[in-house]
Structure formats: structure tokens, C-alpha cells
Amino acid sequence: MNRHEFEALRDLRGKQISVDIEFVANRATDPNLTFKDVPVENSLGYILRCNGTYKPGIPSVSFNFFIPDIGPICRIDVNGPIHKPVGRTHKHSLKKDDDPRKNLPTPDAAPDFEGKTPRQIWELLCSSANIIHAGKFVDP
């Protein structure tokens, strides 16, 4: 996927998530709560998925959108690891063709997400990415 294809997918209207989003406990990620492989339906035919992690002890939340066999294409980290110079709340997105293989190395500041609950972050993210969430969001 190149930057042009990423932008076309990001800006595409009518993307939809039909399932509920619920962070759940898992022995492998304890004490963090996660959800995995949520499908994002889209008219371009990409197999697009979303994972999420909520770390209640911090608290922090991450939402990671990826295409299997390509890698991550967009990630929001709120109150996550510090990335200089943008801080703990930032967005990673595909900028160069090889960024998915490098785990989206370049962060951008994302101040609109600061100080929000996981639900508010999810709603803002869906709105900004033209995603309709037809399921429910279960607060962690």
C-alpha cells in the first residue's frame, strides 16, 4: 500500500464496523485489556482490521488499523509511550511505502485526543476516519 492508496482508504466514506467493541481481559496481556481483528468493511475491497489496547494502570488506550500481510496503516496512542517531540498522545500513519514494515515510525501530535475517555477517543477516531460504528462500544 502506498501513501495515495492509504489516503484514498482513509478518506473513503461509508466504511463500517458492524460488531461491538469490547476490551477484554486476556492472560497473555494481563493487566491490559484488548480486542483483536475487528473487521472494517469498505467499498475498496481491502481486508482492513482494527485492534485495541487499554492499559488501566496508566490509563492509556491505543487503536491500531492494519491490513493483514501488509501491516499497520494507522494507529492512535493516547497517553502512551513518549515519542519525541510529539509526546504521549500521537497518531502514526502511513507516510512512506515501507512504513507498515517499520511499524509506522513517524508520529504526529494528536492533541484533539488528549484528556478524553476511551469512548470519546473511539467516537472522534471514527468520525475523523469516516467510519460508521453500527455496533456498541463497551466502556472498559
C-alpha atoms as a PDB file:
ATOM      1  CA  MET A   1       0.000   0.000   0.000  1.00  0.00           C
ATOM      2  CA  ASN A   2       1.360   3.416  -0.874  1.00  0.00           C
ATOM      3  CA  ARG A   3       0.503   6.833   0.559  1.00  0.00           C
ATOM      4  CA  HIS A   4      -2.016   7.584  -2.190  1.00  0.00           C
ATOM      5  CA  GLU A   5      -3.881   4.290  -1.572  1.00  0.00           C
ATOM      6  CA  PHE A   6      -3.791   4.899   2.197  1.00  0.00           C
ATOM      7  CA  GLU A   7      -5.277   8.381   1.797  1.00  0.00           C
ATOM      8  CA  ALA A   8      -7.990   7.049  -0.519  1.00  0.00           C
ATOM      9  CA  LEU A   9      -8.936   4.424   2.082  1.00  0.00           C
ATOM     10  CA  ARG A  10      -8.714   6.890   4.983  1.00  0.00           C
ATOM     11  CA  ASP A  11     -10.905   9.446   3.217  1.00  0.00           C
ATOM     12  CA  LEU A  12     -13.379   6.895   1.840  1.00  0.00           C
ATOM     13  CA  ARG A  13     -16.891   7.484   3.122  1.00  0.00           C
ATOM     14  CA  GLY A  14     -19.102   4.647   4.273  1.00  0.00           C
ATOM     15  CA  LYS A  15     -16.557   2.447   5.986  1.00  0.00           C
ATOM     16  CA  GLN A  16     -18.366   0.454   8.649  1.00  0.00           C
ATOM     17  CA  ILE A  17     -17.697  -1.609  11.745  1.00  0.00           C
ATOM     18  CA  SER A  18     -20.713  -3.815  12.461  1.00  0.00           C
ATOM     19  CA  VAL A  19     -19.533  -5.573  15.632  1.00  0.00           C
ATOM     20  CA  ASP A  20     -19.345  -4.421  19.241  1.00  0.00           C
ATOM     21  CA  ILE A  21     -16.054  -3.061  20.554  1.00  0.00           C
ATOM     22  CA  GLU A  22     -15.224  -4.508  23.960  1.00  0.00           C
ATOM     23  CA  PHE A  23     -11.865  -4.544  25.667  1.00  0.00           C
ATOM     24  CA  VAL A  24     -11.479  -7.905  27.441  1.00  0.00           C
ATOM     25  CA  ALA A  25      -9.020  -9.420  29.896  1.00  0.00           C
ATOM     26  CA  ASN A  26      -6.614 -11.951  28.499  1.00  0.00           C
ATOM     27  CA  ARG A  27      -3.972 -13.948  30.331  1.00  0.00           C
ATOM     28  CA  ALA A  28      -1.375 -13.099  27.670  1.00  0.00           C
ATOM     29  CA  THR A  29      -1.865  -9.334  28.036  1.00  0.00           C
ATOM     30  CA  ASP A  30      -2.861  -9.075  31.732  1.00  0.00           C
ATOM     31  CA  PRO A  31      -3.421  -6.492  33.223  1.00  0.00           C
ATOM     32  CA  ASN A  32      -4.099  -4.821  29.873  1.00  0.00           C
ATOM     33  CA  LEU A  33      -7.457  -5.217  28.171  1.00  0.00           C
ATOM     34  CA  THR A  34      -7.608  -5.813  24.427  1.00  0.00           C
ATOM     35  CA  PHE A  35      -9.781  -6.503  21.402  1.00  0.00           C
ATOM     36  CA  LYS A  36      -8.477  -8.009  18.172  1.00  0.00           C
ATOM     37  CA  ASP A  37      -9.201  -8.362  14.477  1.00  0.00           C
ATOM     38  CA  VAL A  38     -12.342  -6.241  14.256  1.00  0.00           C
ATOM     39  CA  PRO A  39     -13.263  -6.034  10.554  1.00  0.00           C
ATOM     40  CA  VAL A  40     -13.686  -2.640   8.920  1.00  0.00           C
ATOM     41  CA  GLU A  41     -15.929  -3.021   5.880  1.00  0.00           C
ATOM     42  CA  ASN A  42     -15.065  -0.818   2.916  1.00  0.00           C
ATOM     43  CA  SER A  43     -16.043  -0.495  -0.715  1.00  0.00           C
ATOM     44  CA  LEU A  44     -12.426  -0.580  -1.940  1.00  0.00           C
ATOM     45  CA  GLY A  45     -12.186  -4.264  -1.037  1.00  0.00           C
ATOM     46  CA  TYR A  46      -9.307  -4.002   1.426  1.00  0.00           C
ATOM     47  CA  ILE A  47      -9.227  -6.518   4.259  1.00  0.00           C
ATOM     48  CA  LEU A  48      -8.927  -3.910   6.989  1.00  0.00           C
ATOM     49  CA  ARG A  49      -8.859  -4.789  10.685  1.00  0.00           C
ATOM     50  CA  CYS A  50      -8.634  -2.927  13.996  1.00  0.00           C
ATOM     51  CA  ASN A  51      -7.037  -3.935  17.298  1.00  0.00           C
ATOM     52  CA  GLY A  52      -7.201  -2.020  20.567  1.00  0.00           C
ATOM     53  CA  THR A  53      -5.372  -1.977  23.887  1.00  0.00           C
ATOM     54  CA  TYR A  54      -6.451  -0.310  27.111  1.00  0.00           C
ATOM     55  CA  LYS A  55      -3.930  -0.080  29.957  1.00  0.00           C
ATOM     56  CA  PRO A  56      -5.987   0.728  33.060  1.00  0.00           C
ATOM     57  CA  GLY A  57      -2.984   1.287  35.324  1.00  0.00           C
ATOM     58  CA  ILE A  58      -1.799   4.307  33.327  1.00  0.00           C
ATOM     59  CA  PRO A  59      -4.544   4.771  31.828  1.00  0.00           C
ATOM     60  CA  SER A  60      -3.760   4.695  28.119  1.00  0.00           C
ATOM     61  CA  VAL A  61      -5.524   3.495  25.003  1.00  0.00           C
ATOM     62  CA  SER A  62      -4.368   2.548  21.512  1.00  0.00           C
ATOM     63  CA  PHE A  63      -6.321   1.775  18.366  1.00  0.00           C
ATOM     64  CA  ASN A  64      -4.363   0.145  15.545  1.00  0.00           C
ATOM     65  CA  PHE A  65      -5.713  -0.275  11.999  1.00  0.00           C
ATOM     66  CA  PHE A  66      -3.901  -2.808   9.830  1.00  0.00           C
ATOM     67  CA  ILE A  67      -4.129  -4.830   6.658  1.00  0.00           C
ATOM     68  CA  PRO A  68      -3.073  -8.480   7.046  1.00  0.00           C
ATOM     69  CA  ASP A  69       0.115  -9.282   5.124  1.00  0.00           C
ATOM     70  CA  ILE A  70       0.842  -5.549   4.735  1.00  0.00           C
ATOM     71  CA  GLY A  71       0.954  -4.317   8.329  1.00  0.00           C
ATOM     72  CA  PRO A  72      -0.284  -1.334  10.314  1.00  0.00           C
ATOM     73  CA  ILE A  73      -1.511   1.670   8.355  1.00  0.00           C
ATOM     74  CA  CYS A  74      -2.768   3.944  11.150  1.00  0.00           C
ATOM     75  CA  ARG A  75      -2.517   3.979  14.943  1.00  0.00           C
ATOM     76  CA  ILE A  76      -3.705   6.360  17.651  1.00  0.00           C
ATOM     77  CA  ASP A  77      -1.869   6.266  21.004  1.00  0.00           C
ATOM     78  CA  VAL A  78      -3.397   8.306  23.820  1.00  0.00           C
ATOM     79  CA  ASN A  79      -1.263   8.668  26.942  1.00  0.00           C
ATOM     80  CA  GLY A  80       1.078   6.023  25.513  1.00  0.00           C
ATOM     81  CA  PRO A  81       4.861   5.826  25.245  1.00  0.00           C
ATOM     82  CA  ILE A  82       6.628   9.164  24.818  1.00  0.00           C
ATOM     83  CA  HIS A  83       7.588   9.906  21.231  1.00  0.00           C
ATOM     84  CA  LYS A  84       9.827  12.954  20.970  1.00  0.00           C
ATOM     85  CA  PRO A  85       8.999  15.666  20.102  1.00  0.00           C
ATOM     86  CA  VAL A  86       5.220  14.994  19.995  1.00  0.00           C
ATOM     87  CA  GLY A  87       4.725  13.455  23.451  1.00  0.00           C
ATOM     88  CA  ARG A  88       2.454  10.690  24.726  1.00  0.00           C
ATOM     89  CA  THR A  89      -0.650  11.369  22.635  1.00  0.00           C
ATOM     90  CA  HIS A  90       0.050  10.943  18.957  1.00  0.00           C
ATOM     91  CA  LYS A  91      -1.009   9.397  15.678  1.00  0.00           C
ATOM     92  CA  HIS A  92       1.056   7.199  13.399  1.00  0.00           C
ATOM     93  CA  SER A  93       0.040   6.854   9.772  1.00  0.00           C
ATOM     94  CA  LEU A  94       1.475   5.555   6.539  1.00  0.00           C
ATOM     95  CA  LYS A  95       3.710   8.200   5.023  1.00  0.00           C
ATOM     96  CA  LYS A  96       6.183   6.086   3.027  1.00  0.00           C
ATOM     97  CA  ASP A  97       5.541   2.834   1.197  1.00  0.00           C
ATOM     98  CA  ASP A  98       7.697   0.814   3.624  1.00  0.00           C
ATOM     99  CA  ASP A  99       6.169   2.314   6.816  1.00  0.00           C
ATOM    100  CA  PRO A 100       3.913  -0.715   7.516  1.00  0.00           C
ATOM    101  CA  ARG A 101       7.020  -2.950   7.683  1.00  0.00           C
ATOM    102  CA  LYS A 102       8.643  -0.420  10.039  1.00  0.00           C
ATOM    103  CA  ASN A 103       5.554  -0.230  12.329  1.00  0.00           C
ATOM    104  CA  LEU A 104       4.684   3.329  11.248  1.00  0.00           C
ATOM    105  CA  PRO A 105       7.804   5.018  12.624  1.00  0.00           C
ATOM    106  CA  THR A 106       6.817   8.698  12.335  1.00  0.00           C
ATOM    107  CA  PRO A 107       4.381  10.098  14.919  1.00  0.00           C
ATOM    108  CA  ASP A 108       2.320  13.257  14.600  1.00  0.00           C
ATOM    109  CA  ALA A 109       0.929  15.176  17.569  1.00  0.00           C
ATOM    110  CA  ALA A 110      -2.757  14.434  18.198  1.00  0.00           C
ATOM    111  CA  PRO A 111      -3.883  16.984  20.799  1.00  0.00           C
ATOM    112  CA  ASP A 112      -7.588  16.538  19.904  1.00  0.00           C
ATOM    113  CA  PHE A 113      -7.484  13.119  21.605  1.00  0.00           C
ATOM    114  CA  GLU A 114      -5.915  14.272  24.890  1.00  0.00           C
ATOM    115  CA  GLY A 115      -7.927  14.090  28.112  1.00  0.00           C
ATOM    116  CA  LYS A 116     -10.731  12.042  26.581  1.00  0.00           C
ATOM    117  CA  THR A 117     -12.299   8.756  27.684  1.00  0.00           C
ATOM    118  CA  PRO A 118     -11.781   5.629  25.544  1.00  0.00           C
ATOM    119  CA  ARG A 119     -15.331   6.017  24.199  1.00  0.00           C
ATOM    120  CA  GLN A 120     -14.745   9.679  23.274  1.00  0.00           C
ATOM    121  CA  ILE A 121     -11.459   8.751  21.591  1.00  0.00           C
ATOM    122  CA  TRP A 122     -13.198   5.978  19.631  1.00  0.00           C
ATOM    123  CA  GLU A 123     -16.015   8.300  18.523  1.00  0.00           C
ATOM    124  CA  LEU A 124     -13.572  11.019  17.449  1.00  0.00           C
ATOM    125  CA  LEU A 125     -11.436   8.484  15.618  1.00  0.00           C
ATOM    126  CA  CYS A 126     -14.425   7.006  13.779  1.00  0.00           C
ATOM    127  CA  SER A 127     -15.683  10.458  12.843  1.00  0.00           C
ATOM    128  CA  SER A 128     -12.304  11.629  11.545  1.00  0.00           C
ATOM    129  CA  ALA A 129     -11.773   8.403   9.547  1.00  0.00           C
ATOM    130  CA  ASN A 130     -15.317   8.299   8.082  1.00  0.00           C
ATOM    131  CA  ILE A 131     -16.139   5.056   9.914  1.00  0.00           C
ATOM    132  CA  ILE A 132     -19.704   4.263  10.902  1.00  0.00           C
ATOM    133  CA  HIS A 133     -19.744   2.095  14.011  1.00  0.00           C
ATOM    134  CA  ALA A 134     -23.029   0.177  13.883  1.00  0.00           C
ATOM    135  CA  GLY A 135     -22.227  -1.889  16.985  1.00  0.00           C
ATOM    136  CA  LYS A 136     -21.872  -0.692  20.539  1.00  0.00           C
ATOM    137  CA  PHE A 137     -18.760   0.464  22.368  1.00  0.00           C
ATOM    138  CA  VAL A 138     -18.426  -1.103  25.804  1.00  0.00           C
ATOM    139  CA  ASP A 139     -16.512   1.156  28.194  1.00  0.00           C
ATOM    140  CA  PRO A 140     -13.503  -0.604  29.717  1.00  0.00           C
END
